[in-house]
PDB file of N, CA and C in Angstrom:
ATOM      1  N   MET A   1      -6.467 -21.729  18.677  1.00  0.00           N
ATOM      2  CA  MET A   1      -5.082 -20.999  18.868  1.00  0.00           C
ATOM      3  C   MET A   1      -4.759 -20.434  17.622  1.00  0.00           C
ATOM      4  N   LEU A   2      -4.097 -21.605  16.759  1.00  0.00           N
ATOM      5  CA  LEU A   2      -3.605 -21.030  15.643  1.00  0.00           C
ATOM      6  C   LEU A   2      -4.154 -19.909  14.594  1.00  0.00           C
ATOM      7  N   VAL A   3      -5.649 -20.411  14.660  1.00  0.00           N
ATOM      8  CA  VAL A   3      -6.686 -19.390  14.152  1.00  0.00           C
ATOM      9  C   VAL A   3      -6.674 -18.067  14.517  1.00  0.00           C
ATOM     10  N   PHE A   4      -6.349 -17.695  15.738  1.00  0.00           N
ATOM     11  CA  PHE A   4      -6.291 -16.802  16.477  1.00  0.00           C
ATOM     12  C   PHE A   4      -4.853 -15.939  15.859  1.00  0.00           C
ATOM     13  N   TRP A   5      -3.663 -16.760  15.874  1.00  0.00           N
ATOM     14  CA  TRP A   5      -2.415 -15.875  15.408  1.00  0.00           C
ATOM     15  C   TRP A   5      -2.332 -15.775  13.997  1.00  0.00           C
ATOM     16  N   GLY A   6      -3.393 -16.481  13.041  1.00  0.00           N
ATOM     17  CA  GLY A   6      -3.666 -16.287  11.539  1.00  0.00           C
ATOM     18  C   GLY A   6      -4.466 -14.980  11.535  1.00  0.00           C
ATOM     19  N   ASP A   7      -5.332 -14.783  12.229  1.00  0.00           N
ATOM     20  CA  ASP A   7      -5.970 -13.666  12.160  1.00  0.00           C
ATOM     21  C   ASP A   7      -5.345 -12.298  12.479  1.00  0.00           C
ATOM     22  N   LEU A   8      -4.650 -12.666  13.301  1.00  0.00           N
ATOM     23  CA  LEU A   8      -3.830 -11.461  14.120  1.00  0.00           C
ATOM     24  C   LEU A   8      -3.041 -10.986  12.975  1.00  0.00           C
ATOM     25  N   VAL A   9      -2.283 -12.253  12.339  1.00  0.00           N
ATOM     26  CA  VAL A   9      -0.987 -11.562  11.143  1.00  0.00           C
ATOM     27  C   VAL A   9      -1.827 -10.945  10.234  1.00  0.00           C
ATOM     28  N   HIS A  10      -3.071 -11.399   9.789  1.00  0.00           N
ATOM     29  CA  HIS A  10      -3.783 -11.076   8.605  1.00  0.00           C
ATOM     30  C   HIS A  10      -4.208  -9.579   8.771  1.00  0.00           C
ATOM     31  N   TYR A  11      -4.790  -9.178   9.825  1.00  0.00           N
ATOM     32  CA  TYR A  11      -5.242  -7.549  10.605  1.00  0.00           C
ATOM     33  C   TYR A  11      -3.586  -6.869  10.241  1.00  0.00           C
ATOM     34  N   LEU A  12      -2.830  -7.636  10.964  1.00  0.00           N
ATOM     35  CA  LEU A  12      -1.569  -6.675  10.950  1.00  0.00           C
ATOM     36  C   LEU A  12      -1.203  -6.416   9.942  1.00  0.00           C
ATOM     37  N   TYR A  13      -1.377  -7.348   9.074  1.00  0.00           N
ATOM     38  CA  TYR A  13      -0.594  -7.421   7.586  1.00  0.00           C
ATOM     39  C   TYR A  13      -1.775  -5.779   6.767  1.00  0.00           C
ATOM     40  N   PHE A  14      -2.878  -5.882   7.035  1.00  0.00           N
ATOM     41  CA  PHE A  14      -3.822  -4.838   6.554  1.00  0.00           C
ATOM     42  C   PHE A  14      -3.172  -3.475   6.860  1.00  0.00           C
ATOM     43  N   VAL A  15      -2.945  -3.606   8.398  1.00  0.00           N
ATOM     44  CA  VAL A  15      -2.778  -2.270   9.042  1.00  0.00           C
ATOM     45  C   VAL A  15      -0.923  -1.776   8.498  1.00  0.00           C
ATOM     46  N   ILE A  16      -0.175  -2.480   8.217  1.00  0.00           N
ATOM     47  CA  ILE A  16       0.830  -2.223   7.935  1.00  0.00           C
ATOM     48  C   ILE A  16       1.051  -1.645   6.230  1.00  0.00           C
ATOM     49  N   ALA A  17       0.124  -2.566   5.860  1.00  0.00           N
ATOM     50  CA  ALA A  17      -0.394  -2.222   3.975  1.00  0.00           C
ATOM     51  C   ALA A  17      -0.958  -0.835   4.055  1.00  0.00           C
ATOM     52  N   GLY A  18      -1.742  -0.370   5.167  1.00  0.00           N
ATOM     53  CA  GLY A  18      -2.445   0.754   5.164  1.00  0.00           C
ATOM     54  C   GLY A  18      -1.516   1.951   5.098  1.00  0.00           C
ATOM     55  N   ILE A  19      -0.636   1.938   5.936  1.00  0.00           N
ATOM     56  CA  ILE A  19       0.051   2.758   6.421  1.00  0.00           C
ATOM     57  C   ILE A  19       1.275   2.918   5.394  1.00  0.00           C
ATOM     58  N   ILE A  20       1.760   1.993   4.712  1.00  0.00           N
ATOM     59  CA  ILE A  20       2.579   2.042   3.779  1.00  0.00           C
ATOM     60  C   ILE A  20       1.933   2.749   2.600  1.00  0.00           C
ATOM     61  N   ALA A  21       0.644   2.441   2.157  1.00  0.00           N
ATOM     62  CA  ALA A  21       0.086   3.252   0.930  1.00  0.00           C
ATOM     63  C   ALA A  21      -0.350   4.478   1.083  1.00  0.00           C
ATOM     64  N   PHE A  22      -0.597   5.044   2.371  1.00  0.00           N
ATOM     65  CA  PHE A  22      -0.924   6.348   2.682  1.00  0.00           C
ATOM     66  C   PHE A  22       0.507   7.121   2.800  1.00  0.00           C
ATOM     67  N   PHE A  23       1.477   6.431   3.121  1.00  0.00           N
ATOM     68  CA  PHE A  23       2.843   7.308   2.775  1.00  0.00           C
ATOM     69  C   PHE A  23       3.312   7.237   1.353  1.00  0.00           C
ATOM     70  N   LEU A  24       3.002   6.505   0.737  1.00  0.00           N
ATOM     71  CA  LEU A  24       3.019   6.616  -0.983  1.00  0.00           C
ATOM     72  C   LEU A  24       1.934   7.462  -1.578  1.00  0.00           C
ATOM     73  N   VAL A  25       0.800   7.409  -1.099  1.00  0.00           N
ATOM     74  CA  VAL A  25      -0.067   8.377  -1.764  1.00  0.00           C
ATOM     75  C   VAL A  25       0.127  10.091  -1.455  1.00  0.00           C
ATOM     76  N   LYS A  26       0.617   9.979  -0.013  1.00  0.00           N
ATOM     77  CA  LYS A  26       0.973  11.385   0.460  1.00  0.00           C
ATOM     78  C   LYS A  26       2.244  11.930  -0.636  1.00  0.00           C
ATOM     79  N   ASN A  27       3.369  11.007  -0.704  1.00  0.00           N
ATOM     80  CA  ASN A  27       4.623  11.387  -1.307  1.00  0.00           C
ATOM     81  C   ASN A  27       4.163  11.482  -2.903  1.00  0.00           C
ATOM     82  N   LEU A  28       3.304  10.726  -3.433  1.00  0.00           N
ATOM     83  CA  LEU A  28       3.251  11.157  -4.846  1.00  0.00           C
ATOM     84  C   LEU A  28       2.540  12.444  -5.087  1.00  0.00           C
ATOM     85  N   PHE A  29       1.768  13.251  -4.278  1.00  0.00           N
ATOM     86  CA  PHE A  29       1.187  14.519  -4.317  1.00  0.00           C
ATOM     87  C   PHE A  29       2.179  15.387  -3.581  1.00  0.00           C
ATOM     88  N   LYS A  30       2.942  15.231  -2.931  1.00  0.00           N
ATOM     89  CA  LYS A  30       3.975  16.615  -2.405  1.00  0.00           C
ATOM     90  C   LYS A  30       5.661  16.367  -3.090  1.00  0.00           C
ATOM     91  N   ARG A  31       5.736  15.825  -4.212  1.00  0.00           N
ATOM     92  CA  ARG A  31       6.879  15.528  -4.613  1.00  0.00           C
ATOM     93  C   ARG A  31       7.322  16.958  -5.180  1.00  0.00           C
ATOM     94  N   GLU A  32       8.207  17.439  -4.993  1.00  0.00           N
ATOM     95  CA  GLU A  32       9.362  18.482  -5.679  1.00  0.00           C
ATOM     96  C   GLU A  32      10.560  18.012  -6.271  1.00  0.00           C
ATOM     97  N   LYS A  33      10.823  17.018  -6.513  1.00  0.00           N
ATOM     98  CA  LYS A  33      11.613  16.380  -7.257  1.00  0.00           C
ATOM     99  C   LYS A  33      11.171  15.267  -8.107  1.00  0.00           C
ATOM    100  N   ARG A  34      11.845  14.949  -9.545  1.00  0.00           N
ATOM    101  CA  ARG A  34      11.272  13.656 -10.215  1.00  0.00           C
ATOM    102  C   ARG A  34      10.048  13.778 -10.497  1.00  0.00           C
ATOM    103  N   ASN A  35       9.312  14.791 -10.888  1.00  0.00           N
ATOM    104  CA  ASN A  35       7.975  14.973 -11.349  1.00  0.00           C
ATOM    105  C   ASN A  35       7.414  14.185 -12.663  1.00  0.00           C
ATOM    106  N   GLY A  36       8.381  13.434 -13.312  1.00  0.00           N
ATOM    107  CA  GLY A  36       8.168  12.855 -14.457  1.00  0.00           C
ATOM    108  C   GLY A  36       6.944  11.761 -14.447  1.00  0.00           C
ATOM    109  N   LEU A  37       6.635  11.511 -15.562  1.00  0.00           N
ATOM    110  CA  LEU A  37       5.663  10.466 -15.878  1.00  0.00           C
ATOM    111  C   LEU A  37       5.899   8.852 -15.474  1.00  0.00           C
ATOM    112  N   VAL A  38       7.287   8.793 -15.772  1.00  0.00           N
ATOM    113  CA  VAL A  38       7.615   7.719 -15.210  1.00  0.00           C
ATOM    114  C   VAL A  38       7.553   7.301 -13.682  1.00  0.00           C
ATOM    115  N   TYR A  39       7.637   8.345 -12.818  1.00  0.00           N
ATOM    116  CA  TYR A  39       7.902   8.214 -11.855  1.00  0.00           C
ATOM    117  C   TYR A  39       6.251   8.245 -10.896  1.00  0.00           C
ATOM    118  N   ASP A  40       5.178   8.827 -12.099  1.00  0.00           N
ATOM    119  CA  ASP A  40       3.836   8.600 -11.720  1.00  0.00           C
ATOM    120  C   ASP A  40       3.725   7.050 -11.758  1.00  0.00           C
ATOM    121  N   ILE A  41       4.103   6.440 -12.763  1.00  0.00           N
ATOM    122  CA  ILE A  41       3.797   5.004 -13.226  1.00  0.00           C
ATOM    123  C   ILE A  41       4.392   3.983 -11.886  1.00  0.00           C
ATOM    124  N   VAL A  42       5.418   4.492 -11.477  1.00  0.00           N
ATOM    125  CA  VAL A  42       6.405   3.358 -10.627  1.00  0.00           C
ATOM    126  C   VAL A  42       5.373   3.739  -9.122  1.00  0.00           C
ATOM    127  N   TYR A  43       5.020   5.094  -8.970  1.00  0.00           N
ATOM    128  CA  TYR A  43       4.204   4.838  -7.568  1.00  0.00           C
ATOM    129  C   TYR A  43       2.831   4.155  -7.658  1.00  0.00           C
ATOM    130  N   ALA A  44       2.128   4.432  -8.841  1.00  0.00           N
ATOM    131  CA  ALA A  44       0.691   3.518  -9.042  1.00  0.00           C
ATOM    132  C   ALA A  44       0.910   2.054  -8.876  1.00  0.00           C
ATOM    133  N   TYR A  45       1.995   1.624  -9.618  1.00  0.00           N
ATOM    134  CA  TYR A  45       2.723   0.330  -9.592  1.00  0.00           C
ATOM    135  C   TYR A  45       3.042  -0.202  -7.935  1.00  0.00           C
ATOM    136  N   CYS A  46       3.279   0.759  -7.123  1.00  0.00           N
ATOM    137  CA  CYS A  46       3.549   0.309  -5.747  1.00  0.00           C
ATOM    138  C   CYS A  46       2.240   0.331  -4.971  1.00  0.00           C
ATOM    139  N   ILE A  47       1.318   1.011  -5.330  1.00  0.00           N
ATOM    140  CA  ILE A  47       0.191   1.403  -4.621  1.00  0.00           C
ATOM    141  C   ILE A  47      -1.016   0.365  -4.975  1.00  0.00           C
ATOM    142  N   ILE A  48      -0.963  -0.113  -6.337  1.00  0.00           N
ATOM    143  CA  ILE A  48      -2.039  -0.884  -6.732  1.00  0.00           C
ATOM    144  C   ILE A  48      -2.145  -2.223  -5.715  1.00  0.00           C
ATOM    145  N   PRO A  49      -1.115  -2.857  -5.415  1.00  0.00           N
ATOM    146  CA  PRO A  49      -1.059  -3.864  -4.861  1.00  0.00           C
ATOM    147  C   PRO A  49      -1.914  -3.981  -3.334  1.00  0.00           C
ATOM    148  N   PHE A  50      -1.373  -2.625  -2.815  1.00  0.00           N
ATOM    149  CA  PHE A  50      -2.140  -2.532  -1.260  1.00  0.00           C
ATOM    150  C   PHE A  50      -3.378  -2.133  -1.464  1.00  0.00           C
ATOM    151  N   VAL A  51      -4.087  -1.524  -2.815  1.00  0.00           N
ATOM    152  CA  VAL A  51      -5.505  -1.331  -3.114  1.00  0.00           C
ATOM    153  C   VAL A  51      -6.130  -2.568  -3.230  1.00  0.00           C
ATOM    154  N   LEU A  52      -5.706  -3.530  -3.859  1.00  0.00           N
ATOM    155  CA  LEU A  52      -6.036  -4.671  -4.241  1.00  0.00           C
ATOM    156  C   LEU A  52      -6.492  -5.386  -3.133  1.00  0.00           C
ATOM    157  N   ARG A  53      -5.520  -5.529  -2.152  1.00  0.00           N
ATOM    158  CA  ARG A  53      -5.513  -6.350  -0.842  1.00  0.00           C
ATOM    159  C   ARG A  53      -6.401  -5.475   0.095  1.00  0.00           C
ATOM    160  N   ILE A  54      -6.650  -4.417   0.083  1.00  0.00           N
ATOM    161  CA  ILE A  54      -7.694  -3.824   0.714  1.00  0.00           C
ATOM    162  C   ILE A  54      -9.091  -4.424   0.257  1.00  0.00           C
ATOM    163  N   LEU A  55      -9.288  -4.603  -1.161  1.00  0.00           N
ATOM    164  CA  LEU A  55     -10.566  -4.485  -1.506  1.00  0.00           C
ATOM    165  C   LEU A  55     -10.699  -6.261  -1.867  1.00  0.00           C
ATOM    166  N   PHE A  56      -9.492  -6.958  -0.987  1.00  0.00           N
ATOM    167  CA  PHE A  56      -9.970  -8.434  -1.184  1.00  0.00           C
ATOM    168  C   PHE A  56      -9.954  -8.795  -2.277  1.00  0.00           C
ATOM    169  N   ILE A  57      -9.041  -8.548  -3.427  1.00  0.00           N
ATOM    170  CA  ILE A  57      -8.686  -8.918  -4.745  1.00  0.00           C
ATOM    171  C   ILE A  57      -7.407  -9.691  -4.723  1.00  0.00           C
ATOM    172  N   LYS A  58      -7.302 -10.780  -5.051  1.00  0.00           N
ATOM    173  CA  LYS A  58      -5.903 -11.511  -4.918  1.00  0.00           C
ATOM    174  C   LYS A  58      -5.358 -11.245  -6.661  1.00  0.00           C
TER     175      LYS A  58
END
């Protein structure tokens, strides 16, 4: 039973991470304000952990 809950939480984490990454990437290309390089770096820094988790890299 605990294995089921562990797997459920694991898959739920991937779904939530994917949704957040999707909105981060969408907003990265649709920004009208704050178009500087620093903001691009901040967006990349926020997106990288989600990509690494999807690729199973810790």
